Amino acid sequence: MHDSIRPEWTVTPGLTPWPEAFAAMEARAAAISERTAGEQIWLLEHPPLYTAGTSADPAELLDPRFPVYAAGRGGRYTYHGPGQRVGYVMLNLAARGRDVRCYVHALEGWVIDALAQLGVKAWRAEGRIGIWTEDKGTEAKIGAIGVRVRRWVSFHGFSVNVDPDLSHFGGIVPCGLPEFPVTSLASLGSGADMAALDQALFRTCDSFLAAVGGG
C-alpha cells in the first residue's frame, strides 16, 4: 500500500537492542507487503554491536568485542553504537518503480543532502558503497548504506556517525575497506548533534522520496 503520503516518521529515544529492532523492522516490512501497514522511516540508536551483511568475510571480524549479528542486508561488516544515527527505511518499491539501484542511489543522495544542510560536503565514491567526506586531508567514511528488499519492500537502510566512539570500529574492517578511515560529525568539528541531523533528514526527505519515485 502506497498512499502518496509521507511515510510514518518514527524517532526512538535511547538505545534499541538490535534483535528487537530487527524483529520490528521485519514485521513492518511484511505488513507493508501485505498492505496492512503504511511505509515507515525509523530513526534510532543501538548499543555497541557489529552486523554482518551477506558479503561479510569472517577474516574482517578482527576483534568481536561486541555482539555480532547476521543482518541479512547487503554489504559486509559494520558497527552500530551510541552516537550513531541509524535509519531503517521501509518503503513499498512495488509502488515506486521497482528499481533497487535507483532506490540505493536515492538513499545515498538523501544522506548527502542532509549532511550538506549541516555544512558537511559528502559524496559517493565509485565502486565503494557508503557516504564519504574529507577529514584532515584524507577521504573518510561518515555514513554506511546497507539495504535489503523482500517482495519489493525495502528495509535496513543507512547509518551516519554523529559522535560515536570511533575506536569501536577497530574490531572490524569497516565494509571491507581497510585503507579508509571512518569519521564523524564530531571529528569534523561540525557541532551538529543528533537532533540537528534528524531535522536535516526530515527537511530533505521529500526530495529523497521523489528520487525513489512513485507517489
Protein backbone atom coordinates (compact mmCIF):
# COMPACT_ATOMS: atom_id res chain seq x y z
CA MET A 1 0.00 0.00 0.00
CA HIS A 2 1.43 3.32 -1.08
CA ASP A 3 -0.77 6.31 -0.35
CA SER A 4 1.27 9.13 -1.91
CA ILE A 5 1.71 10.48 1.61
CA ARG A 6 4.94 10.75 3.51
CA PRO A 7 5.87 7.54 5.34
CA GLU A 8 5.34 7.37 9.09
CA TRP A 9 8.30 9.13 10.72
CA THR A 10 9.44 7.47 13.96
CA VAL A 11 12.28 8.58 16.24
CA THR A 12 13.01 6.21 19.14
CA PRO A 13 14.97 7.69 22.07
CA GLY A 14 17.59 5.73 24.00
CA LEU A 15 19.30 2.59 22.76
CA THR A 16 17.24 -0.06 20.98
CA PRO A 17 18.60 -3.66 21.13
CA TRP A 18 19.37 -4.91 17.65
CA PRO A 19 17.32 -8.14 17.79
CA GLU A 20 14.26 -6.16 18.91
CA ALA A 21 14.73 -3.62 16.12
CA PHE A 22 15.29 -6.31 13.52
CA ALA A 23 12.11 -8.17 14.52
CA ALA A 24 10.07 -4.96 14.43
CA MET A 25 11.53 -3.99 11.07
CA GLU A 26 10.81 -7.39 9.52
CA ALA A 27 7.26 -7.33 10.87
CA ARG A 28 6.61 -3.85 9.48
CA ALA A 29 8.09 -4.77 6.08
CA ALA A 30 5.85 -7.84 5.92
CA ALA A 31 2.81 -5.74 6.86
CA ILE A 32 3.64 -3.21 4.14
CA SER A 33 3.89 -6.05 1.63
CA GLU A 34 0.52 -7.39 2.79
CA ARG A 35 -0.98 -3.87 2.57
CA THR A 36 -1.90 -3.86 6.25
CA ALA A 37 0.50 -1.05 7.20
CA GLY A 38 1.94 2.04 5.58
CA GLU A 39 5.56 2.89 4.86
CA GLN A 40 7.87 3.90 7.71
CA ILE A 41 11.16 5.70 8.26
CA TRP A 42 12.53 4.77 11.67
CA LEU A 43 15.44 6.63 13.30
CA LEU A 44 17.13 5.06 16.31
CA GLU A 45 20.42 4.25 18.07
CA HIS A 46 21.77 0.84 19.04
CA PRO A 47 24.03 -0.29 21.88
CA PRO A 48 27.53 -1.24 20.63
CA LEU A 49 27.38 -4.15 18.18
CA TYR A 50 28.58 -5.41 14.84
CA THR A 51 26.38 -6.65 12.00
CA ALA A 52 27.44 -8.90 9.17
CA GLY A 53 25.98 -8.39 5.72
CA THR A 54 25.59 -11.13 3.14
CA SER A 55 29.08 -10.45 1.74
CA ALA A 56 30.85 -10.42 5.13
CA ASP A 57 34.27 -12.12 5.24
CA PRO A 58 34.94 -13.69 8.67
CA ALA A 59 38.58 -12.57 8.36
CA GLU A 60 37.35 -8.97 8.60
CA LEU A 61 35.96 -9.54 12.09
CA LEU A 62 39.19 -8.63 13.87
CA ASP A 63 38.02 -8.38 17.48
CA PRO A 64 34.43 -9.41 18.31
CA ARG A 65 34.39 -7.29 21.46
CA PHE A 66 30.68 -6.59 20.97
CA PRO A 67 27.80 -8.87 19.94
CA VAL A 68 27.80 -9.84 16.26
CA TYR A 69 24.54 -10.30 14.35
CA ALA A 70 23.85 -11.67 10.87
CA ALA A 71 21.81 -8.85 9.37
CA GLY A 72 20.71 -10.31 6.04
CA ARG A 73 21.30 -6.96 4.31
CA GLY A 74 23.79 -6.38 1.52
CA GLY A 75 27.37 -5.46 2.33
CA ARG A 76 29.99 -6.64 4.80
CA TYR A 77 30.66 -5.88 8.48
CA THR A 78 29.58 -2.63 10.03
CA TYR A 79 29.43 -1.17 13.51
CA HIS A 80 26.44 0.39 15.26
CA GLY A 81 26.54 2.12 18.61
CA PRO A 82 25.65 5.16 20.70
CA GLY A 83 26.22 8.45 18.91
CA GLN A 84 25.42 6.96 15.53
CA ARG A 85 22.09 7.65 13.84
CA VAL A 86 20.62 4.56 12.23
CA GLY A 87 17.79 4.96 9.74
CA TYR A 88 15.64 1.99 8.83
CA VAL A 89 13.69 2.78 5.67
CA MET A 90 10.68 0.64 4.86
CA LEU A 91 9.20 1.64 1.50
CA ASN A 92 6.91 -0.14 -0.93
CA LEU A 93 9.10 -0.19 -4.02
CA ALA A 94 6.37 -2.01 -5.96
CA ALA A 95 4.57 1.34 -5.99
CA ARG A 96 7.78 3.29 -6.64
CA GLY A 97 9.08 1.80 -9.87
CA ARG A 98 10.67 -1.49 -8.71
CA ASP A 99 14.20 -0.17 -9.26
CA VAL A 100 16.54 -1.21 -6.46
CA ARG A 101 19.55 0.54 -7.98
CA CYS A 102 17.58 3.79 -8.15
CA TYR A 103 16.48 3.32 -4.54
CA VAL A 104 20.03 2.84 -3.24
CA HIS A 105 21.23 5.86 -5.23
CA ALA A 106 18.40 7.95 -3.78
CA LEU A 107 19.20 6.77 -0.25
CA GLU A 108 22.83 7.83 -0.67
CA GLY A 109 21.70 11.16 -2.08
CA TRP A 110 19.39 11.74 0.89
CA VAL A 111 22.21 11.38 3.41
CA ILE A 112 24.50 13.57 1.29
CA ASP A 113 21.81 16.27 1.07
CA ALA A 114 21.16 16.16 4.82
CA LEU A 115 24.87 16.49 5.58
CA ALA A 116 25.09 19.44 3.19
CA GLN A 117 22.45 21.18 5.31
CA LEU A 118 24.82 20.80 8.24
CA GLY A 119 27.71 22.31 6.28
CA VAL A 120 29.44 19.00 5.58
CA LYS A 121 30.35 18.20 1.99
CA ALA A 122 29.94 14.48 1.32
CA TRP A 123 29.83 12.31 -1.78
CA ARG A 124 29.52 8.88 -3.32
CA ALA A 125 32.70 7.07 -4.37
CA GLU A 126 32.77 4.91 -7.48
CA GLY A 127 32.96 1.24 -6.55
CA ARG A 128 32.60 1.92 -2.81
CA ILE A 129 29.20 1.82 -1.13
CA GLY A 130 28.66 4.43 1.53
CA ILE A 131 28.94 8.14 2.19
CA TRP A 132 32.36 9.79 2.07
CA THR A 133 33.84 13.10 3.17
CA GLU A 134 37.25 14.63 3.87
CA ASP A 135 38.82 14.57 7.33
CA LYS A 136 42.26 16.13 7.81
CA GLY A 137 43.03 15.82 4.11
CA THR A 138 42.05 12.15 3.89
CA GLU A 139 38.94 10.61 2.39
CA ALA A 140 36.95 9.04 5.21
CA LYS A 141 33.64 7.29 5.61
CA ILE A 142 30.95 9.12 7.58
CA GLY A 143 27.93 7.01 6.62
CA ALA A 144 27.12 3.43 5.69
CA ILE A 145 24.42 2.05 3.40
CA GLY A 146 23.03 -1.47 3.66
CA VAL A 147 19.67 -2.47 2.25
CA ARG A 148 17.53 -5.49 1.68
CA VAL A 149 14.43 -5.78 -0.48
CA ARG A 150 11.90 -8.54 0.07
CA ARG A 151 8.72 -8.76 -2.00
CA TRP A 152 9.54 -5.25 -3.23
CA VAL A 153 9.58 -3.76 0.27
CA SER A 154 12.85 -2.18 1.41
CA PHE A 155 14.28 -2.50 4.89
CA HIS A 156 17.53 -1.82 6.72
CA GLY A 157 18.89 1.49 5.39
CA PHE A 158 21.71 3.80 6.48
CA SER A 159 23.82 4.96 9.39
CA VAL A 160 25.55 8.29 9.98
CA ASN A 161 28.30 8.85 12.54
CA VAL A 162 27.35 11.84 14.68
CA ASP A 163 29.57 11.36 17.74
CA PRO A 164 30.23 7.65 18.29
CA ASP A 165 33.37 6.19 19.85
CA LEU A 166 35.32 5.71 16.63
CA SER A 167 37.70 3.25 18.32
CA HIS A 168 34.82 0.76 18.32
CA PHE A 169 35.19 0.45 14.55
CA GLY A 170 38.60 -1.12 15.22
CA GLY A 171 37.04 -4.52 15.86
CA ILE A 172 36.21 -4.91 12.17
CA VAL A 173 37.41 -3.92 8.74
CA PRO A 174 34.54 -1.48 8.12
CA CYS A 175 32.72 -2.52 4.96
CA GLY A 176 35.82 -4.41 3.84
CA LEU A 177 37.85 -1.26 3.15
CA PRO A 178 40.93 -1.27 5.44
CA GLU A 179 42.63 1.59 3.60
CA PHE A 180 39.96 4.15 4.51
CA PRO A 181 39.32 5.58 7.99
CA VAL A 182 35.94 6.36 9.48
CA THR A 183 34.98 9.79 10.74
CA SER A 184 32.05 11.56 12.40
CA LEU A 185 30.39 14.95 12.56
CA ALA A 186 32.14 15.50 15.89
CA SER A 187 35.56 14.64 14.41
CA LEU A 188 34.91 17.14 11.63
CA GLY A 189 34.12 19.81 14.21
CA SER A 190 30.67 20.39 12.74
CA GLY A 191 28.94 20.99 16.07
CA ALA A 192 25.78 19.30 14.78
CA ASP A 193 24.13 16.92 17.22
CA MET A 194 21.70 14.06 16.66
CA ALA A 195 18.65 16.34 16.69
CA ALA A 196 20.22 18.62 14.07
CA LEU A 197 20.88 15.62 11.81
CA ASP A 198 17.33 14.36 12.30
CA GLN A 199 15.96 17.78 11.33
CA ALA A 200 18.16 17.87 8.23
CA LEU A 201 16.98 14.38 7.24
CA PHE A 202 13.36 15.45 7.74
CA ARG A 203 13.80 18.58 5.64
CA THR A 204 15.35 16.64 2.76
CA CYS A 205 13.02 13.63 2.96
CA ASP A 206 10.58 14.79 0.29
CA SER A 207 13.40 15.12 -2.25
CA PHE A 208 14.54 11.60 -1.37
CA LEU A 209 11.06 10.19 -1.86
CA ALA A 210 10.72 12.00 -5.18
CA ALA A 211 14.04 10.49 -6.30
CA VAL A 212 12.85 6.99 -5.37
CA GLY A 213 9.72 7.52 -7.44
CA GLY A 214 6.08 6.70 -7.08
CA GLY A 215 3.50 8.65 -5.17
